[in-house]
């Protein structure tokens, strides 16, 4: 049996190494706690019932820009064409300005900018809108559920480049009675 008592010089120095044993013990206890708690939490979350809320009609301003985003179907037909079979993931993007006029990306950017510019001038300039944020128009996008994200993201990008600060999405509310 051997024992270290110090150097021959007799100068004893305090240990400067960190004792990691308590740290490892705490980490192992936490690991065991999480291994037990996570499956219980997941089972609880799966049984959660979310209440159905009655939706309220939004108070849209006339200045809000409405966009519909869809794609062509597998045969290349657009949403207004006879025989349209529904949006296809591989179809070409279709954007409808104010839900009526079909536009491409460049036309969307130009038309959105001109529309916003007219609204800002009519309101009295950017300072008037800065003083009253409720007057700032928004963009509401209604996207087909089968439209790929690239189409929706392109529309969001183009209206934000045009200067619209707020972009939101419109969905069809679920009938709580149906």
C-alpha atoms as a PDB file:
ATOM      1  CA  UNK A   1       0.000   0.000   0.000  1.00  0.00           C
ATOM      2  CA  UNK A   2       1.435   3.332  -1.061  1.00  0.00           C
ATOM      3  CA  UNK A   3       0.572   6.824   0.009  1.00  0.00           C
ATOM      4  CA  UNK A   4       1.605  10.145  -1.524  1.00  0.00           C
ATOM      5  CA  UNK A   5       2.488  12.720   1.109  1.00  0.00           C
ATOM      6  CA  UNK A   6       3.999  15.493  -1.003  1.00  0.00           C
ATOM      7  CA  UNK A   7       7.309  16.497  -2.485  1.00  0.00           C
ATOM      8  CA  UNK A   8      10.594  16.177  -0.737  1.00  0.00           C
ATOM      9  CA  UNK A   9      10.641  19.959  -0.315  1.00  0.00           C
ATOM     10  CA  UNK A  10       7.675  19.909   2.022  1.00  0.00           C
ATOM     11  CA  UNK A  11       5.607  22.533   0.113  1.00  0.00           C
ATOM     12  CA  UNK A  12       2.037  21.301  -0.018  1.00  0.00           C
ATOM     13  CA  UNK A  13      -0.268  22.863  -2.668  1.00  0.00           C
ATOM     14  CA  UNK A  14      -4.046  22.710  -2.649  1.00  0.00           C
ATOM     15  CA  UNK A  15      -5.674  20.654  -5.425  1.00  0.00           C
ATOM     16  CA  UNK A  16      -6.887  22.810  -8.300  1.00  0.00           C
ATOM     17  CA  UNK A  17      -8.756  20.070 -10.211  1.00  0.00           C
ATOM     18  CA  UNK A  18     -12.545  20.061 -10.258  1.00  0.00           C
ATOM     19  CA  UNK A  19     -14.206  17.061  -8.695  1.00  0.00           C
ATOM     20  CA  UNK A  20     -16.575  15.843 -11.453  1.00  0.00           C
ATOM     21  CA  UNK A  21     -18.109  12.950  -9.513  1.00  0.00           C
ATOM     22  CA  UNK A  22     -21.031  15.007  -8.078  1.00  0.00           C
ATOM     23  CA  UNK A  23     -21.693  16.500 -11.528  1.00  0.00           C
ATOM     24  CA  UNK A  24     -21.879  13.035 -13.099  1.00  0.00           C
ATOM     25  CA  UNK A  25     -24.187  11.860 -10.309  1.00  0.00           C
ATOM     26  CA  UNK A  26     -26.584  14.786 -10.867  1.00  0.00           C
ATOM     27  CA  UNK A  27     -26.591  14.237 -14.647  1.00  0.00           C
ATOM     28  CA  UNK A  28     -27.402  10.538 -14.232  1.00  0.00           C
ATOM     29  CA  UNK A  29     -30.294  11.335 -11.885  1.00  0.00           C
ATOM     30  CA  UNK A  30     -31.677  13.903 -14.364  1.00  0.00           C
ATOM     31  CA  UNK A  31     -31.333  11.392 -17.196  1.00  0.00           C
ATOM     32  CA  UNK A  32     -33.351   8.826 -15.242  1.00  0.00           C
ATOM     33  CA  UNK A  33     -36.013  11.425 -14.389  1.00  0.00           C
ATOM     34  CA  UNK A  34     -36.400  12.442 -18.046  1.00  0.00           C
ATOM     35  CA  UNK A  35     -36.492   8.822 -19.203  1.00  0.00           C
ATOM     36  CA  UNK A  36     -39.456   8.268 -16.896  1.00  0.00           C
ATOM     37  CA  UNK A  37     -41.198  11.654 -17.320  1.00  0.00           C
ATOM     38  CA  UNK A  38     -41.140  12.036 -21.125  1.00  0.00           C
ATOM     39  CA  UNK A  39     -43.267   8.963 -21.987  1.00  0.00           C
ATOM     40  CA  UNK A  40     -45.817   9.980 -19.347  1.00  0.00           C
ATOM     41  CA  UNK A  41     -45.975  13.521 -20.753  1.00  0.00           C
ATOM     42  CA  UNK A  42     -46.398  12.267 -24.316  1.00  0.00           C
ATOM     43  CA  UNK A  43     -49.281   9.979 -23.315  1.00  0.00           C
ATOM     44  CA  UNK A  44     -50.954  12.884 -21.516  1.00  0.00           C
ATOM     45  CA  UNK A  45     -50.599  15.222 -24.508  1.00  0.00           C
ATOM     46  CA  UNK A  46     -52.137  12.682 -26.904  1.00  0.00           C
ATOM     47  CA  UNK A  47     -55.296  12.529 -24.765  1.00  0.00           C
ATOM     48  CA  UNK A  48     -55.698  16.322 -24.656  1.00  0.00           C
ATOM     49  CA  UNK A  49     -59.019  17.616 -26.043  1.00  0.00           C
ATOM     50  CA  UNK A  50     -58.810  21.088 -27.527  1.00  0.00           C
ATOM     51  CA  UNK A  51     -62.078  23.082 -27.383  1.00  0.00           C
ATOM     52  CA  UNK A  52     -63.712  24.280 -30.576  1.00  0.00           C
ATOM     53  CA  UNK A  53     -63.983  28.044 -30.559  1.00  0.00           C
ATOM     54  CA  UNK A  54     -66.626  30.033 -32.368  1.00  0.00           C
ATOM     55  CA  UNK A  55     -64.859  32.142 -34.961  1.00  0.00           C
ATOM     56  CA  UNK A  56     -65.636  35.812 -35.225  1.00  0.00           C
ATOM     57  CA  UNK A  57     -65.901  37.664 -38.476  1.00  0.00           C
ATOM     58  CA  UNK A  58     -62.883  39.863 -39.061  1.00  0.00           C
ATOM     59  CA  UNK A  59     -63.353  43.557 -39.618  1.00  0.00           C
ATOM     60  CA  UNK A  60     -61.572  43.875 -42.933  1.00  0.00           C
ATOM     61  CA  UNK A  61     -60.610  47.267 -44.191  1.00  0.00           C
ATOM     62  CA  UNK A  62     -61.273  48.092 -47.820  1.00  0.00           C
ATOM     63  CA  UNK A  63     -57.555  48.783 -48.203  1.00  0.00           C
ATOM     64  CA  UNK A  64     -56.537  45.207 -47.350  1.00  0.00           C
ATOM     65  CA  UNK A  65     -55.121  43.265 -50.270  1.00  0.00           C
ATOM     66  CA  UNK A  66     -56.609  39.826 -50.853  1.00  0.00           C
ATOM     67  CA  UNK A  67     -54.583  37.180 -52.678  1.00  0.00           C
ATOM     68  CA  UNK A  68     -55.523  33.655 -53.660  1.00  0.00           C
ATOM     69  CA  UNK A  69     -52.673  31.217 -54.273  1.00  0.00           C
ATOM     70  CA  UNK A  70     -53.228  27.988 -56.174  1.00  0.00           C
ATOM     71  CA  UNK A  71     -51.590  25.913 -58.892  1.00  0.00           C
ATOM     72  CA  UNK A  72     -52.620  24.348 -62.160  1.00  0.00           C
ATOM     73  CA  UNK A  73     -53.976  20.819 -62.118  1.00  0.00           C
ATOM     74  CA  UNK A  74     -52.188  17.828 -63.637  1.00  0.00           C
ATOM     75  CA  UNK A  75     -53.516  18.755 -67.091  1.00  0.00           C
ATOM     76  CA  UNK A  76     -52.295  22.384 -66.821  1.00  0.00           C
ATOM     77  CA  UNK A  77     -55.748  23.976 -66.273  1.00  0.00           C
ATOM     78  CA  UNK A  78     -56.127  26.952 -63.910  1.00  0.00           C
ATOM     79  CA  UNK A  79     -58.725  27.343 -61.165  1.00  0.00           C
ATOM     80  CA  UNK A  80     -61.307  29.126 -63.336  1.00  0.00           C
ATOM     81  CA  UNK A  81     -61.021  26.825 -66.346  1.00  0.00           C
ATOM     82  CA  UNK A  82     -63.683  24.188 -67.127  1.00  0.00           C
ATOM     83  CA  UNK A  83     -62.643  20.728 -65.988  1.00  0.00           C
ATOM     84  CA  UNK A  84     -60.221  21.980 -63.312  1.00  0.00           C
ATOM     85  CA  UNK A  85     -59.425  18.967 -61.118  1.00  0.00           C
ATOM     86  CA  UNK A  86     -57.806  20.778 -58.182  1.00  0.00           C
ATOM     87  CA  UNK A  87     -54.359  22.142 -57.430  1.00  0.00           C
ATOM     88  CA  UNK A  88     -51.425  19.853 -58.115  1.00  0.00           C
ATOM     89  CA  UNK A  89     -48.152  19.837 -56.152  1.00  0.00           C
ATOM     90  CA  UNK A  90     -46.199  19.845 -59.402  1.00  0.00           C
ATOM     91  CA  UNK A  91     -48.369  22.488 -61.094  1.00  0.00           C
ATOM     92  CA  UNK A  92     -47.487  26.047 -61.999  1.00  0.00           C
ATOM     93  CA  UNK A  93     -48.182  28.698 -59.369  1.00  0.00           C
ATOM     94  CA  UNK A  94     -51.287  30.832 -59.889  1.00  0.00           C
ATOM     95  CA  UNK A  95     -51.773  34.045 -57.899  1.00  0.00           C
ATOM     96  CA  UNK A  96     -55.015  36.018 -58.101  1.00  0.00           C
ATOM     97  CA  UNK A  97     -54.806  39.719 -57.161  1.00  0.00           C
ATOM     98  CA  UNK A  98     -57.869  40.743 -55.122  1.00  0.00           C
ATOM     99  CA  UNK A  99     -59.064  37.171 -55.681  1.00  0.00           C
ATOM    100  CA  UNK A 100     -59.944  37.993 -59.323  1.00  0.00           C
ATOM    101  CA  UNK A 101     -57.039  39.063 -61.544  1.00  0.00           C
ATOM    102  CA  UNK A 102     -54.419  36.403 -62.338  1.00  0.00           C
ATOM    103  CA  UNK A 103     -50.881  37.823 -62.062  1.00  0.00           C
ATOM    104  CA  UNK A 104     -47.330  36.562 -62.220  1.00  0.00           C
ATOM    105  CA  UNK A 105     -44.632  37.481 -59.685  1.00  0.00           C
ATOM    106  CA  UNK A 106     -43.511  40.696 -61.397  1.00  0.00           C
ATOM    107  CA  UNK A 107     -47.076  41.904 -61.935  1.00  0.00           C
ATOM    108  CA  UNK A 108     -47.914  41.121 -58.313  1.00  0.00           C
ATOM    109  CA  UNK A 109     -44.962  43.148 -57.075  1.00  0.00           C
ATOM    110  CA  UNK A 110     -45.793  46.122 -59.339  1.00  0.00           C
ATOM    111  CA  UNK A 111     -49.543  46.115 -58.675  1.00  0.00           C
ATOM    112  CA  UNK A 112     -49.088  45.707 -54.913  1.00  0.00           C
ATOM    113  CA  UNK A 113     -46.572  48.566 -54.798  1.00  0.00           C
ATOM    114  CA  UNK A 114     -48.816  50.906 -56.827  1.00  0.00           C
ATOM    115  CA  UNK A 115     -51.817  50.031 -54.662  1.00  0.00           C
ATOM    116  CA  UNK A 116     -49.910  50.646 -51.422  1.00  0.00           C
ATOM    117  CA  UNK A 117     -48.422  53.865 -52.792  1.00  0.00           C
ATOM    118  CA  UNK A 118     -51.907  55.193 -53.618  1.00  0.00           C
ATOM    119  CA  UNK A 119     -53.167  54.293 -50.140  1.00  0.00           C
ATOM    120  CA  UNK A 120     -50.192  56.037 -48.485  1.00  0.00           C
ATOM    121  CA  UNK A 121     -50.707  59.183 -50.592  1.00  0.00           C
ATOM    122  CA  UNK A 122     -54.453  59.197 -49.876  1.00  0.00           C
ATOM    123  CA  UNK A 123     -53.765  58.861 -46.112  1.00  0.00           C
ATOM    124  CA  UNK A 124     -51.429  61.866 -46.102  1.00  0.00           C
ATOM    125  CA  UNK A 125     -48.029  60.218 -46.394  1.00  0.00           C
ATOM    126  CA  UNK A 126     -46.001  57.730 -44.377  1.00  0.00           C
ATOM    127  CA  UNK A 127     -46.060  59.961 -41.297  1.00  0.00           C
ATOM    128  CA  UNK A 128     -49.867  59.751 -41.096  1.00  0.00           C
ATOM    129  CA  UNK A 129     -49.729  55.954 -41.238  1.00  0.00           C
ATOM    130  CA  UNK A 130     -46.944  55.875 -38.657  1.00  0.00           C
ATOM    131  CA  UNK A 131     -49.098  57.954 -36.291  1.00  0.00           C
ATOM    132  CA  UNK A 132     -52.134  55.715 -36.840  1.00  0.00           C
ATOM    133  CA  UNK A 133     -51.039  52.079 -37.343  1.00  0.00           C
ATOM    134  CA  UNK A 134     -54.668  50.932 -37.718  1.00  0.00           C
ATOM    135  CA  UNK A 135     -54.728  52.574 -41.147  1.00  0.00           C
ATOM    136  CA  UNK A 136     -51.851  50.435 -42.465  1.00  0.00           C
ATOM    137  CA  UNK A 137     -53.283  47.934 -44.958  1.00  0.00           C
ATOM    138  CA  UNK A 138     -52.603  44.227 -44.609  1.00  0.00           C
ATOM    139  CA  UNK A 139     -52.288  41.370 -47.051  1.00  0.00           C
ATOM    140  CA  UNK A 140     -54.592  38.382 -46.577  1.00  0.00           C
ATOM    141  CA  UNK A 141     -53.587  35.246 -48.441  1.00  0.00           C
ATOM    142  CA  UNK A 142     -55.993  32.404 -49.103  1.00  0.00           C
ATOM    143  CA  UNK A 143     -53.904  29.419 -50.128  1.00  0.00           C
ATOM    144  CA  UNK A 144     -55.193  26.210 -51.647  1.00  0.00           C
ATOM    145  CA  UNK A 145     -54.336  23.343 -49.282  1.00  0.00           C
ATOM    146  CA  UNK A 146     -52.753  21.447 -52.177  1.00  0.00           C
ATOM    147  CA  UNK A 147     -50.649  24.402 -53.349  1.00  0.00           C
ATOM    148  CA  UNK A 148     -46.946  23.871 -52.636  1.00  0.00           C
ATOM    149  CA  UNK A 149     -45.242  26.153 -50.145  1.00  0.00           C
ATOM    150  CA  UNK A 150     -43.010  27.635 -52.874  1.00  0.00           C
ATOM    151  CA  UNK A 151     -46.066  29.357 -54.375  1.00  0.00           C
ATOM    152  CA  UNK A 152     -47.278  30.782 -51.064  1.00  0.00           C
ATOM    153  CA  UNK A 153     -43.763  31.848 -50.037  1.00  0.00           C
ATOM    154  CA  UNK A 154     -43.283  33.585 -53.394  1.00  0.00           C
ATOM    155  CA  UNK A 155     -46.476  35.586 -52.879  1.00  0.00           C
ATOM    156  CA  UNK A 156     -45.445  36.544 -49.323  1.00  0.00           C
ATOM    157  CA  UNK A 157     -42.005  37.606 -50.552  1.00  0.00           C
ATOM    158  CA  UNK A 158     -43.382  39.765 -53.367  1.00  0.00           C
ATOM    159  CA  UNK A 159     -45.888  41.662 -51.223  1.00  0.00           C
ATOM    160  CA  UNK A 160     -43.297  42.265 -48.517  1.00  0.00           C
ATOM    161  CA  UNK A 161     -40.873  43.599 -51.124  1.00  0.00           C
ATOM    162  CA  UNK A 162     -43.707  45.906 -52.247  1.00  0.00           C
ATOM    163  CA  UNK A 163     -43.844  47.409 -48.747  1.00  0.00           C
ATOM    164  CA  UNK A 164     -46.719  45.659 -46.973  1.00  0.00           C
ATOM    165  CA  UNK A 165     -45.590  45.066 -43.371  1.00  0.00           C
ATOM    166  CA  UNK A 166     -48.297  42.600 -42.333  1.00  0.00           C
ATOM    167  CA  UNK A 167     -49.161  39.385 -44.143  1.00  0.00           C
ATOM    168  CA  UNK A 168     -51.765  36.991 -42.790  1.00  0.00           C
ATOM    169  CA  UNK A 169     -53.509  33.846 -43.922  1.00  0.00           C
ATOM    170  CA  UNK A 170     -57.221  33.188 -44.333  1.00  0.00           C
ATOM    171  CA  UNK A 171     -58.620  29.735 -43.704  1.00  0.00           C
ATOM    172  CA  UNK A 172     -62.064  28.260 -43.930  1.00  0.00           C
ATOM    173  CA  UNK A 173     -63.410  27.964 -40.395  1.00  0.00           C
ATOM    174  CA  UNK A 174     -64.590  24.544 -39.316  1.00  0.00           C
ATOM    175  CA  UNK A 175     -68.305  24.407 -38.575  1.00  0.00           C
ATOM    176  CA  UNK A 176     -68.563  23.442 -34.883  1.00  0.00           C
ATOM    177  CA  UNK A 177     -72.041  21.967 -35.517  1.00  0.00           C
ATOM    178  CA  UNK A 178     -70.982  19.881 -38.505  1.00  0.00           C
END
